[in-house]
Protein backbone atom coordinates (compact mmCIF):
# COMPACT_ATOMS: atom_id res chain seq x y z
CA MET A 1 11.17 44.18 -50.82
CA LEU A 2 11.55 47.56 -50.39
CA LYS A 3 14.87 48.93 -48.85
CA ASP A 4 14.41 48.63 -44.90
CA ASN A 5 15.64 52.60 -43.85
CA GLY A 6 15.77 50.74 -40.14
CA SER A 7 13.68 54.12 -39.03
CA PHE A 8 10.56 53.76 -37.27
CA GLU A 9 7.72 56.79 -36.03
CA ARG A 10 6.14 56.14 -32.63
CA VAL A 11 2.51 57.20 -32.64
CA GLU A 12 0.48 58.05 -30.32
CA SER A 13 -0.46 55.17 -28.71
CA GLY A 14 3.32 54.37 -28.02
CA ILE A 15 3.81 51.88 -30.82
CA ALA A 16 6.01 51.70 -33.89
CA ILE A 17 4.57 50.62 -37.02
CA SER A 18 6.74 50.05 -40.12
CA LEU A 19 5.61 49.08 -43.99
CA ASP A 20 8.52 47.43 -45.88
CA GLY A 21 11.12 49.60 -43.90
CA ASN A 22 9.09 52.92 -43.89
CA PRO A 23 7.45 54.20 -40.68
CA VAL A 24 3.59 54.43 -40.57
CA ALA A 25 1.69 56.90 -38.68
CA LEU A 26 -1.92 55.42 -38.03
CA LEU A 27 -4.59 57.16 -37.65
CA PRO A 28 -6.53 57.40 -34.31
CA GLN A 29 -8.03 55.03 -32.05
CA ARG A 30 -6.62 52.39 -34.78
CA TYR A 31 -4.60 50.52 -32.02
CA SER A 32 -5.78 46.94 -31.89
CA LEU A 33 -3.59 44.84 -33.78
CA ASN A 34 -6.44 43.87 -36.50
CA ALA A 35 -6.87 47.40 -36.66
CA ILE A 36 -3.27 47.95 -37.15
CA ARG A 37 -3.38 44.97 -39.93
CA CYS A 38 -6.26 46.49 -41.92
CA TYR A 39 -4.26 49.77 -42.33
CA LEU A 40 -1.20 48.49 -43.60
CA ASP A 41 -3.29 46.18 -46.13
CA THR A 42 -4.82 49.20 -47.25
CA LEU A 43 -1.37 50.96 -47.72
CA ALA A 44 0.04 48.21 -49.22
CA LEU A 45 -2.86 47.93 -51.98
CA GLU A 46 -2.60 51.14 -52.52
CA LYS A 47 0.47 50.83 -53.69
CA GLN A 48 -0.63 47.58 -55.65
CA ARG A 49 1.24 45.28 -53.46
CA VAL A 50 -0.13 42.64 -51.06
CA LEU A 51 1.01 42.12 -47.18
CA CYS A 52 3.41 39.20 -47.14
CA ALA A 53 4.76 39.35 -43.41
CA LEU A 54 4.04 40.58 -40.72
CA LYS A 55 5.73 40.78 -36.84
CA VAL A 56 4.45 41.84 -33.65
CA ASP A 57 7.63 42.78 -30.75
CA GLY A 58 9.48 40.59 -33.13
CA HIS A 59 7.30 37.35 -33.49
CA ALA A 60 5.56 36.25 -37.04
CA ALA A 61 2.13 36.43 -37.13
CA ASN A 62 -0.05 34.01 -39.18
CA LEU A 63 -1.79 36.36 -41.92
CA ALA A 64 -4.24 33.61 -42.76
CA LEU A 65 -5.64 34.00 -39.69
CA PRO A 66 -7.41 36.47 -37.65
CA LEU A 67 -5.14 38.35 -34.87
CA ALA A 68 -5.18 37.51 -31.54
CA CYS A 69 -6.24 39.84 -29.32
CA ARG A 70 -2.85 40.10 -26.61
CA GLY A 71 -2.13 42.57 -24.12
CA ARG A 72 0.80 45.13 -24.43
CA PHE A 73 2.85 45.59 -27.79
CA SER A 74 5.29 48.27 -28.97
CA ARG A 75 6.89 47.39 -32.30
CA VAL A 76 4.64 45.83 -35.73
CA GLU A 77 6.89 45.38 -38.92
CA ALA A 78 5.38 44.80 -42.02
CA GLU A 79 6.41 43.45 -45.32
CA SER A 80 5.06 43.54 -49.06
CA VAL A 81 5.53 41.99 -52.39
CA GLY A 82 4.06 43.12 -55.51
CA LEU A 83 1.54 42.00 -57.22
CA ASP A 84 3.71 40.69 -60.04
CA GLU A 85 5.51 38.56 -57.36
CA SER A 86 2.50 36.39 -56.17
CA HIS A 87 4.90 33.57 -56.12
CA VAL A 88 6.25 34.31 -53.23
CA LEU A 89 2.73 34.44 -51.37
CA LEU A 90 2.18 30.87 -52.90
CA LEU A 91 5.52 29.60 -51.29
CA GLN A 92 4.53 31.44 -47.91
CA ALA A 93 0.72 29.75 -48.19
CA ALA A 94 2.61 26.78 -48.23
CA LYS A 95 4.87 27.40 -45.52
CA ARG A 96 1.86 27.89 -43.66
CA GLN A 97 -0.25 24.61 -45.01
CA VAL A 98 3.00 21.91 -44.00
CA GLN A 99 3.10 23.76 -40.74
CA HIS A 100 -0.68 23.39 -39.63
CA ALA A 101 -0.61 19.76 -41.03
CA ARG A 102 2.43 18.82 -38.78
CA GLU A 103 0.93 20.19 -35.82
CA CYS A 104 -1.80 18.15 -36.64
CA ALA A 105 -0.05 15.01 -37.07
CA GLY A 106 2.18 15.35 -34.24
CA VAL A 107 -1.02 16.05 -31.84
CA ALA A 108 -2.78 13.48 -33.71
CA LEU A 109 -0.02 10.45 -33.01
CA THR A 110 -0.99 11.03 -29.47
CA LEU A 111 -5.00 11.40 -29.44
CA VAL A 112 -5.51 7.87 -31.40
CA LEU A 113 -3.48 6.31 -28.55
CA ILE A 114 -6.00 7.34 -25.81
CA ASN A 115 -9.46 7.02 -28.12
CA ASN A 116 -10.90 4.04 -29.65
CA ARG A 117 -10.55 2.90 -33.14
CA ASN A 118 -13.28 4.87 -34.88
CA ILE A 119 -12.15 8.33 -33.67
CA ALA A 120 -8.36 7.53 -33.84
CA ARG A 121 -8.98 7.25 -37.81
CA GLU A 122 -11.00 10.51 -37.80
CA LEU A 123 -8.34 11.90 -36.37
CA TRP A 124 -6.41 10.66 -39.33
CA TRP A 125 -8.72 11.50 -41.69
CA ASN A 126 -8.74 14.81 -40.65
CA VAL A 127 -4.38 15.17 -40.87
CA ALA A 128 -4.96 12.94 -44.59
CA ARG A 129 -6.96 15.79 -45.74
CA GLN A 130 -4.25 18.48 -45.11
CA LEU A 131 -1.25 16.52 -46.76
CA LYS A 132 -2.06 17.01 -50.03
CA GLU A 133 -2.62 21.01 -49.44
CA PRO A 134 0.93 22.40 -49.62
CA VAL A 135 1.31 20.35 -52.62
CA LEU A 136 -1.61 21.91 -54.09
CA THR A 137 -0.85 25.38 -53.43
CA LEU A 138 3.25 24.66 -54.62
CA SER A 139 1.22 23.30 -58.23
CA LEU A 140 0.01 26.82 -59.01
CA LEU A 141 4.00 28.19 -59.10
CA PRO A 142 5.46 28.53 -62.25
CA ASP A 143 7.48 25.51 -63.66
CA HIS A 144 10.56 27.78 -64.18
CA LEU A 145 10.62 29.19 -60.59
CA CYS A 146 14.01 28.27 -58.89
CA GLY A 147 15.17 26.64 -61.97
CA SER A 148 16.26 23.04 -61.38
CA ALA A 149 17.16 21.13 -58.26
CA GLN A 150 17.63 18.09 -56.48
CA GLY A 151 20.26 16.59 -58.89
CA GLY A 152 18.37 18.62 -62.12
CA ALA A 153 14.93 17.99 -61.36
CA PRO A 154 12.51 20.52 -62.48
CA LEU A 155 9.62 21.74 -60.52
CA LYS A 156 7.31 20.08 -62.35
CA GLN A 157 8.80 16.98 -61.85
CA LEU A 158 9.26 17.40 -57.91
CA ARG A 159 5.46 18.50 -57.89
CA LYS A 160 4.18 15.60 -59.37
CA TRP A 161 6.88 13.09 -57.03
CA GLN A 162 5.35 14.65 -53.87
CA LEU A 163 1.99 14.19 -55.20
CA GLU A 164 3.01 10.72 -55.38
CA GLN A 165 4.31 10.59 -52.08
CA VAL A 166 1.29 11.84 -50.55
CA ALA A 167 -0.71 9.00 -52.64
CA ALA A 168 1.15 6.68 -51.23
CA ILE A 169 1.55 7.60 -47.44
CA ILE A 170 -2.16 7.92 -47.31
CA ARG A 171 -3.11 4.90 -48.70
CA GLU A 172 -0.38 3.22 -46.37
CA VAL A 173 -1.51 4.46 -43.40
CA ASP A 174 -5.26 3.98 -44.44
CA GLN A 175 -4.00 0.61 -44.62
CA THR A 176 -2.72 0.74 -40.81
CA CYS A 177 -6.33 2.09 -39.76
CA LEU A 178 -7.91 -1.39 -40.93
CA THR A 179 -6.25 -3.20 -38.68
CA GLY A 180 -7.76 -1.51 -35.98
CA ASP A 181 -4.20 -1.26 -34.02
CA THR A 182 -4.17 2.75 -32.67
CA ILE A 183 -0.33 2.43 -31.36
CA GLN A 184 0.93 1.08 -35.24
CA LEU A 185 -1.62 4.33 -36.19
CA SER A 186 0.34 6.40 -33.79
CA ASP A 187 3.39 4.77 -34.91
CA ALA A 188 2.87 5.50 -38.62
CA LEU A 189 1.98 9.26 -37.97
CA GLU A 190 5.29 9.24 -35.92
CA ASN A 191 7.84 7.38 -38.68
CA ARG A 192 5.85 8.07 -42.17
CA VAL A 193 3.68 11.49 -41.79
CA LEU A 194 5.97 13.72 -40.24
CA PRO A 195 9.34 12.87 -41.47
CA TRP A 196 7.68 13.65 -45.25
CA LEU A 197 6.26 16.72 -43.96
CA GLN A 198 9.24 17.94 -42.43
CA ASN A 199 11.41 17.11 -45.94
CA LEU A 200 9.01 19.03 -47.36
CA SER A 201 8.91 21.79 -45.45
CA GLU A 202 12.84 22.08 -45.89
CA LEU A 203 12.01 22.05 -49.30
CA ILE A 204 9.50 24.84 -49.57
CA GLN A 205 12.03 26.68 -47.24
CA LEU A 206 15.11 26.70 -49.85
CA TRP A 207 12.67 27.94 -52.80
CA HIS A 208 11.37 30.74 -50.49
CA GLU A 209 14.76 32.08 -49.41
CA THR A 210 15.54 31.64 -53.22
CA VAL A 211 13.18 33.38 -54.66
CA ALA A 212 12.84 36.04 -51.95
CA ALA A 213 16.65 36.88 -52.52
CA GLY A 214 15.68 37.45 -56.08
CA VAL A 215 12.95 39.67 -55.46
CA ARG A 216 15.07 41.54 -52.60
CA LEU A 217 17.82 42.07 -55.35
CA GLY A 218 15.45 42.71 -58.15
CA ILE A 219 15.82 39.82 -60.10
CA LYS A 220 13.10 38.78 -62.06
CA GLN A 221 12.08 35.13 -62.55
CA THR A 222 11.49 34.41 -66.10
CA ALA A 223 10.65 31.42 -68.17
CA HIS A 224 13.37 29.96 -70.70
């Protein structure tokens, strides 16, 4: 990340914009969130960088989705990473995927109780499809990233364990689906799926904090 100098420039619309802590003056009539995001994307790309974070009035926005239309806002803060720091983007993508899977599983554990078993199965299969996505995203990370963790296990081994856990959980919940008991299915979502996603979320957060700190300090992640 570039050094944050803490200064912002307030454009004619009354919105303060910054990119990596540096003030940004927008072109006229670019005052919607999507217009601002597009402009910041362009500025970052011109410097061989990619947007990795965006906050609107202090609230983080999901860069994987179009920005929702909203009323008045006064402050937009963006951060970018260099193209050679793509592992930061991958970790952020994995974080978003885990969060989305947790939200879907949380909704599904209630919905399966108020629907018939066929609909309940479809709800579960939609959640199951999302469980593997963050682990597959993590598989794109270089094996040497973050060194060893959890008792010395390398990243490659941790990813293998996560995939094995995903397969075991899906198989277990599928067996519950065969019973036709939606209460058991809801319990499986609450007691097996959500705790695993929580643990994965914490692990990814730890990796992200470690890598992001290294980027800020100018530490290059290299293979040994």
